[in-house]
Each structure stands twice: as C-alpha cells, then as structure tokens.
Amino acid sequence: MNTILKETPGWLTFNKPAGIQVERNPFGPSVESLAYAHLEMKQRNPYVGIVHRLDRVTTGLVLVAKKKNILRQLNEQFRLRQVQKTYLAMVETAPVKEAGIITHWLEKDLLEKRAKVVNPASGKAFECTLSYRQLGKDDNGRALLEIQPITGKYHQIRAQLAAIDCPVVGDIHYGAAESYQPNHIMLHAWKLAFTDPESGERLEVEAPLPEWAERLG
C-alpha cells in the first residue's frame, strides 16, 4: 500500500494505516514521523505541520503541510468548514433510514477517553452533526455507510453512530459486540476536498478503499 497519496510543494496526503497515531509519540511510528522521514530525504530540517487528526484505530487520509503559511491557511479552511470530509463506516446494524442527518450534543470524557451524548445544559457539550447514506448491506445485516461530518469533534462519528444503535464494527469502546483487529475498527477517512492554498484550485484527494469496504462499495 502506498502511504503517500499526493504531494505538492506545499502539502502532502498520507493514507494512514490502523494502529499508528497522527502526531509523534514515544510509543512507535506516526504520520508525523513518517512525514519527517520522507521529507528529510530531500532536505535538512523540513517543516511538518499536522493539519488535522484521525483516531489511532481509524484508517485513511491525513493532510500534512510542508510550510508554516500553508498550515495556517489550511487550518483556516477547517475552521470555516470549507473542507469536505467523507468517511466510510461499516456498522453492526443498518440505520432505520437509509439516509439522513443526525445531531447530538457531545461532551469529551477525559477519564474514559470517549465522547458522551449529553444534555446541552451541561455547559461543556458541543452540538455535532453528520449526514450519512447507506451504500450497501451484507448477509449479516451490517451496513456500509458514507458519512460526511458537518462538524469535527472528538470521536464524533463513533459516538453518534453508537447513539443511534449502529456502532462501527470492531468499536468495542462504543458498544460494538466484538473487536475487528487489534487497534483497528471499520472506519476509514475516504475523501478530502479542499482548496490548494498555493494554486487556488478546489480539489479532492481520495484514499483507496479498505478491504472491508471493497465488497460493498
């Protein structure tokens, strides 16, 4: 599998495997360390700016800036919700409706390292919204969903799907019946649409389908 999907003078995109974190850490490789290793083959002391993050158990597209001003501009696009993220998820149970928009109030629980659906009166909650549509269904009743988060909060997709009784396959942290693979759930950052800060071109980068999605995608 080719880890680097696309590279320009200002940024590159990685296809993150499951089991590694995005940011550097003392426990093993990361997208950040892989980016440094790649760029150090071309120049000394390269700049690596992490634009956004994926959970360790999630696979797929990660955008990395190669210049500080590019990082600022891409961060601004994310802040203004000008970046369109598309995920794929295999869920244990198909949702009642084949397509829809769901909204919950989520609060980050630091002790349990999870997002919880709460009453907005708690004061610490964020309103989170995503849209989904069903792409297919297997013989076991599991459904492949295409998901576009409208907001981008901690564990949002995982928590919201669990809240409608459709946990991601393998996500025992959010109520799935059984695990899938070590440090791996069936959630994949599939596409990322944004404006190239240098060229001004609106473009979309796509990661290859994971094996579990190929059968129904």
C-alpha atoms as a PDB file:
ATOM      1  CA  MET A   1       0.000   0.000   0.000  1.00  0.00           C
ATOM      2  CA  ASN A   2       1.380   3.399  -0.990  1.00  0.00           C
ATOM      3  CA  THR A   3       1.372   5.553   2.136  1.00  0.00           C
ATOM      4  CA  ILE A   4       1.803   8.901   0.345  1.00  0.00           C
ATOM      5  CA  LEU A   5      -1.166   9.568  -1.918  1.00  0.00           C
ATOM      6  CA  LYS A   6      -0.398  13.036  -3.312  1.00  0.00           C
ATOM      7  CA  GLU A   7       2.356  15.599  -2.818  1.00  0.00           C
ATOM      8  CA  THR A   8       2.778  19.224  -3.889  1.00  0.00           C
ATOM      9  CA  PRO A   9       5.385  21.843  -2.907  1.00  0.00           C
ATOM     10  CA  GLY A  10       3.085  22.943  -0.082  1.00  0.00           C
ATOM     11  CA  TRP A  11       1.460  19.791   1.300  1.00  0.00           C
ATOM     12  CA  LEU A  12       1.149  16.018   1.098  1.00  0.00           C
ATOM     13  CA  THR A  13      -1.524  13.475   1.961  1.00  0.00           C
ATOM     14  CA  PHE A  14      -0.970  10.156   3.726  1.00  0.00           C
ATOM     15  CA  ASN A  15      -3.072   7.014   3.758  1.00  0.00           C
ATOM     16  CA  LYS A  16      -2.757   6.264   7.474  1.00  0.00           C
ATOM     17  CA  PRO A  17      -2.807   2.589   8.455  1.00  0.00           C
ATOM     18  CA  ALA A  18      -4.595   1.459  11.598  1.00  0.00           C
ATOM     19  CA  GLY A  19      -2.639   1.259  14.811  1.00  0.00           C
ATOM     20  CA  ILE A  20      -0.486   4.388  14.496  1.00  0.00           C
ATOM     21  CA  GLN A  21      -1.159   7.872  15.792  1.00  0.00           C
ATOM     22  CA  VAL A  22      -1.005  11.034  13.716  1.00  0.00           C
ATOM     23  CA  GLU A  23       1.314  13.018  15.994  1.00  0.00           C
ATOM     24  CA  ARG A  24       4.779  11.995  17.172  1.00  0.00           C
ATOM     25  CA  ASN A  25       4.819   9.931  20.352  1.00  0.00           C
ATOM     26  CA  PRO A  26       7.289   7.723  22.259  1.00  0.00           C
ATOM     27  CA  PHE A  27       5.373   4.517  21.519  1.00  0.00           C
ATOM     28  CA  GLY A  28       6.064   3.957  17.821  1.00  0.00           C
ATOM     29  CA  PRO A  29       5.785   5.399  14.330  1.00  0.00           C
ATOM     30  CA  SER A  30       3.307   8.128  13.496  1.00  0.00           C
ATOM     31  CA  VAL A  31       2.151  10.051  10.444  1.00  0.00           C
ATOM     32  CA  GLU A  32       4.295  12.950  11.649  1.00  0.00           C
ATOM     33  CA  SER A  33       7.446  10.820  11.954  1.00  0.00           C
ATOM     34  CA  LEU A  34       6.778   9.219   8.550  1.00  0.00           C
ATOM     35  CA  ALA A  35       6.415  12.684   7.024  1.00  0.00           C
ATOM     36  CA  TYR A  36       9.714  13.816   8.522  1.00  0.00           C
ATOM     37  CA  ALA A  37      11.469  10.675   7.267  1.00  0.00           C
ATOM     38  CA  HIS A  38      10.096  11.215   3.760  1.00  0.00           C
ATOM     39  CA  LEU A  39      10.942  14.918   3.578  1.00  0.00           C
ATOM     40  CA  GLU A  40      14.399  14.523   5.139  1.00  0.00           C
ATOM     41  CA  MET A  41      15.417  12.524   2.082  1.00  0.00           C
ATOM     42  CA  LYS A  42      15.091  15.772   0.102  1.00  0.00           C
ATOM     43  CA  GLN A  43      16.106  18.499   2.568  1.00  0.00           C
ATOM     44  CA  ARG A  44      17.526  19.037   6.028  1.00  0.00           C
ATOM     45  CA  ASN A  45      15.198  20.057   8.855  1.00  0.00           C
ATOM     46  CA  PRO A  46      11.955  20.039   6.846  1.00  0.00           C
ATOM     47  CA  TYR A  47       8.799  21.664   8.163  1.00  0.00           C
ATOM     48  CA  VAL A  48       5.949  19.301   9.052  1.00  0.00           C
ATOM     49  CA  GLY A  49       2.603  20.736  10.109  1.00  0.00           C
ATOM     50  CA  ILE A  50      -0.232  18.449  11.158  1.00  0.00           C
ATOM     51  CA  VAL A  51      -3.435  19.929   9.726  1.00  0.00           C
ATOM     52  CA  HIS A  52      -5.982  17.537  11.295  1.00  0.00           C
ATOM     53  CA  ARG A  53      -6.103  14.212  13.128  1.00  0.00           C
ATOM     54  CA  LEU A  54      -7.548  10.729  12.939  1.00  0.00           C
ATOM     55  CA  ASP A  55      -8.038   8.280  15.785  1.00  0.00           C
ATOM     56  CA  ARG A  56      -5.393   5.585  16.135  1.00  0.00           C
ATOM     57  CA  VAL A  57      -7.974   2.921  15.201  1.00  0.00           C
ATOM     58  CA  THR A  58      -9.122   4.782  12.077  1.00  0.00           C
ATOM     59  CA  THR A  59      -7.502   4.465   8.650  1.00  0.00           C
ATOM     60  CA  GLY A  60      -7.334   6.846   5.720  1.00  0.00           C
ATOM     61  CA  LEU A  61      -6.495  10.352   4.581  1.00  0.00           C
ATOM     62  CA  VAL A  62      -4.361  12.720   6.624  1.00  0.00           C
ATOM     63  CA  LEU A  63      -3.305  16.108   5.243  1.00  0.00           C
ATOM     64  CA  VAL A  64       0.147  17.418   6.230  1.00  0.00           C
ATOM     65  CA  ALA A  65       1.511  20.906   5.488  1.00  0.00           C
ATOM     66  CA  LYS A  66       5.110  21.402   4.339  1.00  0.00           C
ATOM     67  CA  LYS A  67       5.160  25.158   5.040  1.00  0.00           C
ATOM     68  CA  LYS A  68       4.007  27.209   8.024  1.00  0.00           C
ATOM     69  CA  ASN A  69       1.900  29.584   5.913  1.00  0.00           C
ATOM     70  CA  ILE A  70       0.217  26.608   4.214  1.00  0.00           C
ATOM     71  CA  LEU A  71      -0.639  25.163   7.632  1.00  0.00           C
ATOM     72  CA  ARG A  72      -2.253  28.458   8.660  1.00  0.00           C
ATOM     73  CA  GLN A  73      -4.343  28.628   5.505  1.00  0.00           C
ATOM     74  CA  LEU A  74      -5.470  25.004   5.698  1.00  0.00           C
ATOM     75  CA  ASN A  75      -6.320  25.378   9.396  1.00  0.00           C
ATOM     76  CA  GLU A  76      -8.475  28.369   8.467  1.00  0.00           C
ATOM     77  CA  GLN A  77     -10.332  26.305   5.859  1.00  0.00           C
ATOM     78  CA  PHE A  78     -11.067  23.680   8.507  1.00  0.00           C
ATOM     79  CA  ARG A  79     -12.168  26.364  10.991  1.00  0.00           C
ATOM     80  CA  LEU A  80     -14.558  27.873   8.455  1.00  0.00           C
ATOM     81  CA  ARG A  81     -15.878  24.417   7.480  1.00  0.00           C
ATOM     82  CA  GLN A  82     -14.681  24.838   3.909  1.00  0.00           C
ATOM     83  CA  VAL A  83     -13.138  21.342   3.911  1.00  0.00           C
ATOM     84  CA  GLN A  84     -15.432  18.453   2.982  1.00  0.00           C
ATOM     85  CA  LYS A  85     -14.528  15.203   4.735  1.00  0.00           C
ATOM     86  CA  THR A  86     -16.059  11.920   3.591  1.00  0.00           C
ATOM     87  CA  TYR A  87     -15.724   8.731   5.625  1.00  0.00           C
ATOM     88  CA  LEU A  88     -16.745   5.126   5.153  1.00  0.00           C
ATOM     89  CA  ALA A  89     -18.001   3.079   8.081  1.00  0.00           C
ATOM     90  CA  MET A  90     -19.244  -0.473   8.368  1.00  0.00           C
ATOM     91  CA  VAL A  91     -21.823  -0.553  11.145  1.00  0.00           C
ATOM     92  CA  GLU A  92     -23.143  -3.580  13.019  1.00  0.00           C
ATOM     93  CA  THR A  93     -26.784  -2.703  12.361  1.00  0.00           C
ATOM     94  CA  ALA A  94     -28.241  -0.761   9.438  1.00  0.00           C
ATOM     95  CA  PRO A  95     -29.868   2.550  10.444  1.00  0.00           C
ATOM     96  CA  VAL A  96     -33.659   2.794  10.318  1.00  0.00           C
ATOM     97  CA  LYS A  97     -33.456   5.260   7.429  1.00  0.00           C
ATOM     98  CA  GLU A  98     -31.091   4.642   4.523  1.00  0.00           C
ATOM     99  CA  ALA A  99     -30.033   8.309   4.530  1.00  0.00           C
ATOM    100  CA  GLY A 100     -30.340  11.164   6.947  1.00  0.00           C
ATOM    101  CA  ILE A 101     -28.810  13.882   9.097  1.00  0.00           C
ATOM    102  CA  ILE A 102     -28.269  13.291  12.808  1.00  0.00           C
ATOM    103  CA  THR A 103     -27.417  15.800  15.538  1.00  0.00           C
ATOM    104  CA  HIS A 104     -26.302  15.191  19.121  1.00  0.00           C
ATOM    105  CA  TRP A 105     -24.697  17.156  21.919  1.00  0.00           C
ATOM    106  CA  LEU A 106     -21.344  15.556  22.770  1.00  0.00           C
ATOM    107  CA  GLU A 107     -19.049  16.056  25.712  1.00  0.00           C
ATOM    108  CA  LYS A 108     -15.462  14.800  25.878  1.00  0.00           C
ATOM    109  CA  ASP A 109     -14.813  12.495  28.842  1.00  0.00           C
ATOM    110  CA  LEU A 110     -11.077  12.674  29.504  1.00  0.00           C
ATOM    111  CA  LEU A 111     -11.096   9.887  32.092  1.00  0.00           C
ATOM    112  CA  GLU A 112     -12.767   7.330  29.849  1.00  0.00           C
ATOM    113  CA  LYS A 113     -11.249   8.767  26.642  1.00  0.00           C
ATOM    114  CA  ARG A 114     -14.580   8.876  24.862  1.00  0.00           C
ATOM    115  CA  ALA A 115     -17.298  11.268  23.748  1.00  0.00           C
ATOM    116  CA  LYS A 116     -20.628  11.075  25.525  1.00  0.00           C
ATOM    117  CA  VAL A 117     -24.054  12.139  24.325  1.00  0.00           C
ATOM    118  CA  VAL A 118     -25.356  14.606  26.927  1.00  0.00           C
ATOM    119  CA  ASN A 119     -27.969  17.253  27.577  1.00  0.00           C
ATOM    120  CA  PRO A 120     -26.746  20.610  26.211  1.00  0.00           C
ATOM    121  CA  ALA A 121     -27.481  22.159  29.607  1.00  0.00           C
ATOM    122  CA  SER A 122     -24.255  20.552  30.872  1.00  0.00           C
ATOM    123  CA  GLY A 123     -22.370  23.590  29.581  1.00  0.00           C
ATOM    124  CA  LYS A 124     -19.407  21.566  28.294  1.00  0.00           C
ATOM    125  CA  ALA A 125     -21.155  19.954  25.331  1.00  0.00           C
ATOM    126  CA  PHE A 126     -20.786  20.714  21.637  1.00  0.00           C
ATOM    127  CA  GLU A 127     -23.543  20.354  19.063  1.00  0.00           C
ATOM    128  CA  CYS A 128     -22.372  17.784  16.492  1.00  0.00           C
ATOM    129  CA  THR A 129     -23.996  16.962  13.160  1.00  0.00           C
ATOM    130  CA  LEU A 130     -23.285  14.497  10.379  1.00  0.00           C
ATOM    131  CA  SER A 131     -25.035  13.235   7.279  1.00  0.00           C
ATOM    132  CA  TYR A 132     -24.975   9.644   6.087  1.00  0.00           C
ATOM    133  CA  ARG A 133     -26.249   7.414   3.331  1.00  0.00           C
ATOM    134  CA  GLN A 134     -26.262   3.646   3.075  1.00  0.00           C
ATOM    135  CA  LEU A 135     -24.181   2.210   0.226  1.00  0.00           C
ATOM    136  CA  GLY A 136     -24.838  -1.468   0.792  1.00  0.00           C
ATOM    137  CA  LYS A 137     -25.684  -4.266   3.193  1.00  0.00           C
ATOM    138  CA  ASP A 138     -24.149  -7.689   3.773  1.00  0.00           C
ATOM    139  CA  ASP A 139     -25.756 -11.035   4.666  1.00  0.00           C
ATOM    140  CA  ASN A 140     -25.144 -10.409   8.378  1.00  0.00           C
ATOM    141  CA  GLY A 141     -27.203  -7.204   8.402  1.00  0.00           C
ATOM    142  CA  ARG A 142     -24.159  -4.948   8.591  1.00  0.00           C
ATOM    143  CA  ALA A 143     -24.343  -1.779   6.518  1.00  0.00           C
ATOM    144  CA  LEU A 144     -21.711   0.252   4.702  1.00  0.00           C
ATOM    145  CA  LEU A 145     -22.297   3.965   5.242  1.00  0.00           C
ATOM    146  CA  GLU A 146     -20.860   7.024   3.529  1.00  0.00           C
ATOM    147  CA  ILE A 147     -20.570   9.746   6.165  1.00  0.00           C
ATOM    148  CA  GLN A 148     -19.928  13.463   5.909  1.00  0.00           C
ATOM    149  CA  PRO A 149     -19.382  15.160   9.274  1.00  0.00           C
ATOM    150  CA  ILE A 150     -20.622  18.735   9.255  1.00  0.00           C
ATOM    151  CA  THR A 151     -18.777  19.451  12.495  1.00  0.00           C
ATOM    152  CA  GLY A 152     -15.492  17.883  13.512  1.00  0.00           C
ATOM    153  CA  LYS A 153     -15.308  16.961  17.173  1.00  0.00           C
ATOM    154  CA  TYR A 154     -13.524  14.282  19.202  1.00  0.00           C
ATOM    155  CA  HIS A 155     -14.823  10.764  18.338  1.00  0.00           C
ATOM    156  CA  GLN A 156     -17.882  12.385  16.762  1.00  0.00           C
ATOM    157  CA  ILE A 157     -18.663   9.749  14.136  1.00  0.00           C
ATOM    158  CA  ARG A 158     -18.087   6.851  16.504  1.00  0.00           C
ATOM    159  CA  ALA A 159     -20.203   8.360  19.280  1.00  0.00           C
ATOM    160  CA  GLN A 160     -23.048   9.494  17.034  1.00  0.00           C
ATOM    161  CA  LEU A 161     -23.378   6.154  15.244  1.00  0.00           C
ATOM    162  CA  ALA A 162     -23.361   4.359  18.596  1.00  0.00           C
ATOM    163  CA  ALA A 163     -26.079   6.741  19.815  1.00  0.00           C
ATOM    164  CA  ILE A 164     -28.433   5.553  17.050  1.00  0.00           C
ATOM    165  CA  ASP A 165     -27.626   1.892  17.870  1.00  0.00           C
ATOM    166  CA  CYS A 166     -25.350   1.484  14.834  1.00  0.00           C
ATOM    167  CA  PRO A 167     -21.862   1.119  16.332  1.00  0.00           C
ATOM    168  CA  VAL A 168     -18.900   0.833  13.976  1.00  0.00           C
ATOM    169  CA  VAL A 169     -17.824  -2.778  13.519  1.00  0.00           C
ATOM    170  CA  GLY A 170     -14.974  -3.527  15.919  1.00  0.00           C
ATOM    171  CA  ASP A 171     -15.505  -0.410  18.045  1.00  0.00           C
ATOM    172  CA  ILE A 172     -15.999  -2.097  21.410  1.00  0.00           C
ATOM    173  CA  HIS A 173     -15.203   1.251  23.084  1.00  0.00           C
ATOM    174  CA  TYR A 174     -18.586   2.434  21.766  1.00  0.00           C
ATOM    175  CA  GLY A 175     -20.665  -0.687  22.209  1.00  0.00           C
ATOM    176  CA  ALA A 176     -19.715  -2.977  19.306  1.00  0.00           C
ATOM    177  CA  ALA A 177     -20.310  -6.648  20.071  1.00  0.00           C
ATOM    178  CA  GLU A 178     -16.750  -7.765  19.258  1.00  0.00           C
ATOM    179  CA  SER A 179     -13.406  -6.427  18.118  1.00  0.00           C
ATOM    180  CA  TYR A 180     -12.271  -6.444  14.484  1.00  0.00           C
ATOM    181  CA  GLN A 181      -8.464  -6.345  14.511  1.00  0.00           C
ATOM    182  CA  PRO A 182      -6.013  -5.021  17.134  1.00  0.00           C
ATOM    183  CA  ASN A 183      -6.220  -1.207  17.219  1.00  0.00           C
ATOM    184  CA  HIS A 184      -8.448  -1.226  14.131  1.00  0.00           C
ATOM    185  CA  ILE A 185     -12.142  -0.546  13.560  1.00  0.00           C
ATOM    186  CA  MET A 186     -14.074  -0.352  10.281  1.00  0.00           C
ATOM    187  CA  LEU A 187     -13.888   3.433   9.922  1.00  0.00           C
ATOM    188  CA  HIS A 188     -11.973   4.993   7.031  1.00  0.00           C
ATOM    189  CA  ALA A 189     -11.268   8.623   6.089  1.00  0.00           C
ATOM    190  CA  TRP A 190     -12.006   8.204   2.385  1.00  0.00           C
ATOM    191  CA  LYS A 191     -12.038  11.614   0.691  1.00  0.00           C
ATOM    192  CA  LEU A 192     -10.916  15.147   1.476  1.00  0.00           C
ATOM    193  CA  ALA A 193     -11.988  18.149  -0.617  1.00  0.00           C
ATOM    194  CA  PHE A 194     -10.251  21.493  -0.017  1.00  0.00           C
ATOM    195  CA  THR A 195      -8.719  24.471  -1.813  1.00  0.00           C
ATOM    196  CA  ASP A 196      -4.994  24.319  -2.554  1.00  0.00           C
ATOM    197  CA  PRO A 197      -3.603  27.446  -0.820  1.00  0.00           C
ATOM    198  CA  GLU A 198      -0.931  27.917  -3.494  1.00  0.00           C
ATOM    199  CA  SER A 199      -2.836  27.259  -6.719  1.00  0.00           C
ATOM    200  CA  GLY A 200      -6.320  28.286  -5.552  1.00  0.00           C
ATOM    201  CA  GLU A 201      -7.668  25.109  -7.143  1.00  0.00           C
ATOM    202  CA  ARG A 202     -10.509  23.245  -5.485  1.00  0.00           C
ATOM    203  CA  LEU A 203      -9.553  19.592  -5.439  1.00  0.00           C
ATOM    204  CA  GLU A 204     -10.452  16.255  -3.901  1.00  0.00           C
ATOM    205  CA  VAL A 205      -7.986  13.605  -2.756  1.00  0.00           C
ATOM    206  CA  GLU A 206      -9.201  10.043  -2.316  1.00  0.00           C
ATOM    207  CA  ALA A 207      -7.704   7.136  -0.381  1.00  0.00           C
ATOM    208  CA  PRO A 208      -8.030   3.562  -1.655  1.00  0.00           C
ATOM    209  CA  LEU A 209     -10.986   1.606  -0.341  1.00  0.00           C
ATOM    210  CA  PRO A 210     -10.182  -0.611   2.633  1.00  0.00           C
ATOM    211  CA  GLU A 211     -10.649  -4.339   2.119  1.00  0.00           C
ATOM    212  CA  TRP A 212     -13.833  -4.443   4.200  1.00  0.00           C
ATOM    213  CA  ALA A 213     -15.463  -1.752   2.036  1.00  0.00           C
ATOM    214  CA  GLU A 214     -14.480  -3.164  -1.369  1.00  0.00           C
ATOM    215  CA  ARG A 215     -17.069  -5.919  -1.118  1.00  0.00           C
ATOM    216  CA  LEU A 216     -19.980  -3.493  -0.773  1.00  0.00           C
ATOM    217  CA  GLY A 217     -18.580  -0.228  -2.178  1.00  0.00           C
END
